[in-house]
Amino acid sequence: MTGVTFKNSHSDLHGGVIYIDILDGELSINSSSFVNFSAPYTGLGSMLYSVASNTKFLLTSTLVQCKDSYDATAVATSLADKTSNYAGAIYFKNSI
């Protein structure tokens, strides 16, 4: 994808604005924008969500701007414990 703009996108409990089930190859996002993205505090909603196990992801010259609302305490606890009950803006479920 090149030169694509997503504005005011939202992803709920599971999945993403871009969802990859099977991709044996490369996903490349270039010179694009994801502006005002949001996801719930819990669940696995993400801007990009992948369950594929053999995917290369290349992100270049791309703006990812999330809504400025989150639970700072939950984030700090998750970082300290190295755990999370939710996904981030980009989530690869079956990656190493």
N, C-alpha and C. Protein backbone atom coordinates (compact mmCIF):
# COMPACT_ATOMS: atom_id res chain seq x y z
N MET A 1 0.85 -1.16 0.00
CA MET A 1 0.00 0.00 0.00
C MET A 1 0.90 1.23 0.00
N THR A 2 0.60 2.15 -0.84
CA THR A 2 1.36 3.39 -0.90
C THR A 2 0.41 4.57 -1.00
N GLY A 3 0.64 5.60 -0.19
CA GLY A 3 -0.13 6.83 -0.27
C GLY A 3 -1.57 6.70 0.20
N VAL A 4 -1.83 5.83 1.14
CA VAL A 4 -3.18 5.61 1.65
C VAL A 4 -3.35 6.38 2.96
N THR A 5 -4.52 6.98 3.18
CA THR A 5 -4.82 7.68 4.42
C THR A 5 -6.06 7.08 5.06
N PHE A 6 -5.94 6.66 6.33
CA PHE A 6 -7.06 6.20 7.13
C PHE A 6 -7.30 7.26 8.18
N LYS A 7 -8.51 7.80 8.28
CA LYS A 7 -8.83 8.81 9.28
C LYS A 7 -9.96 8.32 10.18
N ASN A 8 -9.82 8.59 11.48
CA ASN A 8 -10.85 8.26 12.46
C ASN A 8 -11.25 6.79 12.43
N SER A 9 -10.28 5.90 12.31
CA SER A 9 -10.58 4.47 12.28
C SER A 9 -10.59 3.92 13.70
N HIS A 10 -11.34 2.84 13.89
CA HIS A 10 -11.49 2.21 15.20
C HIS A 10 -11.53 0.71 15.03
N SER A 11 -10.91 0.00 15.94
CA SER A 11 -10.95 -1.45 15.93
C SER A 11 -11.44 -1.93 17.29
N ASP A 12 -12.40 -2.86 17.29
CA ASP A 12 -12.99 -3.33 18.54
C ASP A 12 -12.22 -4.47 19.17
N LEU A 13 -12.92 -5.40 19.74
CA LEU A 13 -12.32 -6.44 20.58
C LEU A 13 -11.26 -7.28 19.91
N HIS A 14 -11.50 -7.75 18.71
CA HIS A 14 -10.53 -8.57 17.99
C HIS A 14 -10.41 -8.06 16.56
N GLY A 15 -9.26 -8.22 16.00
CA GLY A 15 -9.06 -7.80 14.62
C GLY A 15 -8.49 -6.41 14.52
N GLY A 16 -8.48 -5.89 13.32
CA GLY A 16 -7.88 -4.59 13.12
C GLY A 16 -8.42 -3.88 11.91
N VAL A 17 -7.96 -2.66 11.73
CA VAL A 17 -8.29 -1.92 10.52
C VAL A 17 -7.75 -2.70 9.33
N ILE A 18 -6.54 -3.25 9.50
CA ILE A 18 -5.97 -4.19 8.53
C ILE A 18 -5.83 -5.52 9.27
N TYR A 19 -6.48 -6.55 8.78
CA TYR A 19 -6.46 -7.87 9.42
C TYR A 19 -5.84 -8.87 8.46
N ILE A 20 -4.83 -9.59 8.94
CA ILE A 20 -4.15 -10.59 8.09
C ILE A 20 -4.39 -11.96 8.68
N ASP A 21 -5.09 -12.80 7.93
CA ASP A 21 -5.34 -14.17 8.36
C ASP A 21 -4.25 -15.09 7.83
N ILE A 22 -3.99 -15.01 6.53
CA ILE A 22 -2.94 -15.81 5.89
C ILE A 22 -2.21 -14.91 4.90
N LEU A 23 -0.91 -14.81 5.06
CA LEU A 23 -0.08 -14.08 4.10
C LEU A 23 1.32 -14.68 4.16
N ASP A 24 1.64 -15.47 3.18
CA ASP A 24 2.97 -16.07 3.10
C ASP A 24 3.79 -15.17 2.19
N GLY A 25 4.28 -14.07 2.74
CA GLY A 25 5.01 -13.10 1.95
C GLY A 25 5.19 -11.81 2.71
N GLU A 26 5.10 -10.69 2.02
CA GLU A 26 5.42 -9.39 2.61
C GLU A 26 4.25 -8.42 2.50
N LEU A 27 4.01 -7.70 3.59
CA LEU A 27 3.08 -6.58 3.59
C LEU A 27 3.91 -5.32 3.71
N SER A 28 3.79 -4.43 2.74
CA SER A 28 4.57 -3.19 2.72
C SER A 28 3.62 -2.00 2.74
N ILE A 29 3.80 -1.12 3.71
CA ILE A 29 3.02 0.12 3.80
C ILE A 29 4.00 1.27 3.70
N ASN A 30 3.83 2.10 2.66
CA ASN A 30 4.76 3.19 2.38
C ASN A 30 4.02 4.52 2.26
N SER A 31 4.60 5.57 2.79
CA SER A 31 4.11 6.93 2.63
C SER A 31 2.60 7.02 2.84
N SER A 32 2.14 6.46 3.95
CA SER A 32 0.72 6.44 4.27
C SER A 32 0.48 7.07 5.63
N SER A 33 -0.79 7.25 5.98
CA SER A 33 -1.14 7.86 7.27
C SER A 33 -2.30 7.12 7.91
N PHE A 34 -2.16 6.89 9.21
CA PHE A 34 -3.24 6.36 10.04
C PHE A 34 -3.44 7.43 11.10
N VAL A 35 -4.47 8.24 10.94
CA VAL A 35 -4.67 9.41 11.79
C VAL A 35 -5.91 9.21 12.67
N ASN A 36 -5.75 9.49 13.94
CA ASN A 36 -6.83 9.42 14.92
C ASN A 36 -7.39 8.01 15.07
N PHE A 37 -6.48 7.03 15.12
CA PHE A 37 -6.86 5.64 15.33
C PHE A 37 -7.19 5.41 16.80
N SER A 38 -8.19 4.55 17.06
CA SER A 38 -8.51 4.20 18.44
C SER A 38 -8.87 2.73 18.56
N ALA A 39 -8.68 2.21 19.77
CA ALA A 39 -9.03 0.83 20.11
C ALA A 39 -9.46 0.84 21.57
N PRO A 40 -10.22 -0.17 22.00
CA PRO A 40 -10.66 -0.20 23.40
C PRO A 40 -9.49 -0.50 24.34
N TYR A 41 -9.70 -0.21 25.63
CA TYR A 41 -8.68 -0.47 26.64
C TYR A 41 -8.42 -1.96 26.80
N THR A 42 -9.42 -2.77 26.55
CA THR A 42 -9.26 -4.21 26.68
C THR A 42 -9.56 -4.85 25.33
N GLY A 43 -9.10 -6.02 25.12
CA GLY A 43 -9.32 -6.71 23.86
C GLY A 43 -8.10 -6.62 22.98
N LEU A 44 -8.25 -7.11 21.79
CA LEU A 44 -7.12 -7.19 20.88
C LEU A 44 -7.36 -6.39 19.61
N GLY A 45 -8.07 -5.29 19.72
CA GLY A 45 -8.25 -4.41 18.58
C GLY A 45 -6.95 -3.68 18.29
N SER A 46 -6.56 -3.62 17.04
CA SER A 46 -5.30 -2.99 16.64
C SER A 46 -5.46 -2.32 15.29
N MET A 47 -4.54 -1.41 14.98
CA MET A 47 -4.51 -0.84 13.64
C MET A 47 -4.20 -1.94 12.63
N LEU A 48 -3.19 -2.75 12.95
CA LEU A 48 -2.82 -3.89 12.11
C LEU A 48 -2.79 -5.11 13.02
N TYR A 49 -3.57 -6.12 12.69
CA TYR A 49 -3.67 -7.34 13.50
C TYR A 49 -3.41 -8.52 12.59
N SER A 50 -2.48 -9.38 12.98
CA SER A 50 -2.13 -10.52 12.14
C SER A 50 -2.08 -11.81 12.95
N VAL A 51 -2.67 -12.86 12.39
CA VAL A 51 -2.54 -14.19 12.96
C VAL A 51 -1.70 -15.07 12.04
N ALA A 52 -1.21 -14.51 10.96
CA ALA A 52 -0.37 -15.24 10.01
C ALA A 52 0.97 -15.58 10.65
N SER A 53 1.56 -16.69 10.23
CA SER A 53 2.80 -17.12 10.88
C SER A 53 4.04 -16.95 10.01
N ASN A 54 3.89 -16.53 8.77
CA ASN A 54 5.04 -16.40 7.90
C ASN A 54 4.95 -15.11 7.08
N THR A 55 4.86 -13.99 7.80
CA THR A 55 4.65 -12.70 7.15
C THR A 55 5.78 -11.73 7.49
N LYS A 56 6.27 -11.04 6.49
CA LYS A 56 7.25 -9.97 6.70
C LYS A 56 6.49 -8.66 6.58
N PHE A 57 6.72 -7.76 7.54
CA PHE A 57 6.03 -6.47 7.56
C PHE A 57 7.05 -5.35 7.41
N LEU A 58 6.85 -4.51 6.41
CA LEU A 58 7.74 -3.38 6.14
C LEU A 58 6.93 -2.09 6.21
N LEU A 59 7.29 -1.20 7.12
CA LEU A 59 6.61 0.07 7.32
C LEU A 59 7.62 1.19 7.11
N THR A 60 7.41 2.03 6.09
CA THR A 60 8.35 3.12 5.81
C THR A 60 7.60 4.42 5.56
N SER A 61 8.17 5.50 6.02
CA SER A 61 7.65 6.86 5.80
C SER A 61 6.15 6.94 6.04
N THR A 62 5.71 6.38 7.16
CA THR A 62 4.28 6.30 7.46
C THR A 62 4.01 6.88 8.84
N LEU A 63 2.95 7.67 8.94
CA LEU A 63 2.53 8.28 10.20
C LEU A 63 1.45 7.40 10.84
N VAL A 64 1.66 7.04 12.10
CA VAL A 64 0.64 6.34 12.88
C VAL A 64 0.34 7.23 14.07
N GLN A 65 -0.86 7.84 14.10
CA GLN A 65 -1.23 8.77 15.15
C GLN A 65 -2.49 8.23 15.83
N CYS A 66 -2.34 7.81 17.06
CA CYS A 66 -3.46 7.25 17.82
C CYS A 66 -4.15 8.36 18.61
N LYS A 67 -5.42 8.11 18.95
CA LYS A 67 -6.12 9.05 19.81
C LYS A 67 -5.41 9.13 21.15
N ASP A 68 -5.41 10.28 21.74
CA ASP A 68 -4.70 10.52 22.99
C ASP A 68 -5.60 10.21 24.19
N SER A 69 -5.99 8.95 24.31
CA SER A 69 -6.76 8.54 25.48
C SER A 69 -6.42 7.10 25.82
N TYR A 70 -5.90 6.91 27.00
CA TYR A 70 -5.54 5.58 27.47
C TYR A 70 -5.47 5.59 28.98
N ASP A 71 -5.40 4.43 29.56
CA ASP A 71 -5.30 4.29 31.00
C ASP A 71 -3.81 4.19 31.36
N ALA A 72 -3.22 5.29 31.77
CA ALA A 72 -1.78 5.35 32.04
C ALA A 72 -1.38 4.34 33.11
N THR A 73 -2.21 4.13 34.11
CA THR A 73 -1.88 3.17 35.17
C THR A 73 -1.82 1.75 34.61
N ALA A 74 -2.78 1.39 33.78
CA ALA A 74 -2.80 0.05 33.18
C ALA A 74 -1.59 -0.16 32.28
N VAL A 75 -1.21 0.87 31.52
CA VAL A 75 -0.05 0.76 30.64
C VAL A 75 1.22 0.60 31.48
N ALA A 76 1.39 1.40 32.52
CA ALA A 76 2.58 1.32 33.37
C ALA A 76 2.68 -0.05 34.04
N THR A 77 1.56 -0.58 34.51
CA THR A 77 1.55 -1.91 35.14
C THR A 77 1.92 -2.99 34.14
N SER A 78 1.35 -2.92 32.95
CA SER A 78 1.65 -3.91 31.91
C SER A 78 3.13 -3.87 31.53
N LEU A 79 3.69 -2.68 31.40
CA LEU A 79 5.10 -2.57 31.05
C LEU A 79 5.98 -3.12 32.17
N ALA A 80 5.62 -2.82 33.40
CA ALA A 80 6.41 -3.30 34.54
C ALA A 80 6.35 -4.83 34.65
N ASP A 81 5.17 -5.39 34.40
CA ASP A 81 4.98 -6.84 34.51
C ASP A 81 5.34 -7.60 33.24
N LYS A 82 5.64 -6.85 32.17
CA LYS A 82 5.93 -7.43 30.85
C LYS A 82 4.78 -8.32 30.38
N THR A 83 3.55 -7.88 30.65
CA THR A 83 2.35 -8.58 30.22
C THR A 83 1.37 -7.56 29.66
N SER A 84 0.35 -8.06 29.00
CA SER A 84 -0.68 -7.17 28.50
C SER A 84 -1.97 -7.93 28.28
N ASN A 85 -3.07 -7.30 28.55
CA ASN A 85 -4.38 -7.88 28.28
C ASN A 85 -4.97 -7.32 27.00
N TYR A 86 -4.19 -6.55 26.28
CA TYR A 86 -4.68 -5.96 25.05
C TYR A 86 -3.52 -5.79 24.07
N ALA A 87 -3.88 -5.56 22.84
CA ALA A 87 -2.87 -5.42 21.79
C ALA A 87 -2.48 -3.96 21.65
N GLY A 88 -1.42 -3.71 20.90
CA GLY A 88 -1.00 -2.36 20.61
C GLY A 88 -1.47 -1.94 19.23
N ALA A 89 -0.92 -0.86 18.72
CA ALA A 89 -1.31 -0.39 17.39
C ALA A 89 -1.01 -1.44 16.33
N ILE A 90 0.09 -2.18 16.52
CA ILE A 90 0.47 -3.24 15.58
C ILE A 90 0.66 -4.51 16.40
N TYR A 91 -0.08 -5.56 16.04
CA TYR A 91 -0.05 -6.79 16.83
C TYR A 91 0.08 -8.01 15.92
N PHE A 92 1.15 -8.78 16.10
CA PHE A 92 1.35 -10.03 15.38
C PHE A 92 1.20 -11.16 16.39
N LYS A 93 0.08 -11.85 16.34
CA LYS A 93 -0.23 -12.90 17.32
C LYS A 93 0.75 -14.07 17.26
N ASN A 94 1.10 -14.52 16.08
CA ASN A 94 1.93 -15.72 15.93
C ASN A 94 3.37 -15.41 15.55
N SER A 95 3.89 -14.32 16.06
CA SER A 95 5.27 -13.96 15.73
C SER A 95 6.19 -14.36 16.87
N ILE A 96 7.49 -14.31 16.59
CA ILE A 96 8.47 -14.60 17.62
C ILE A 96 9.26 -13.35 17.95
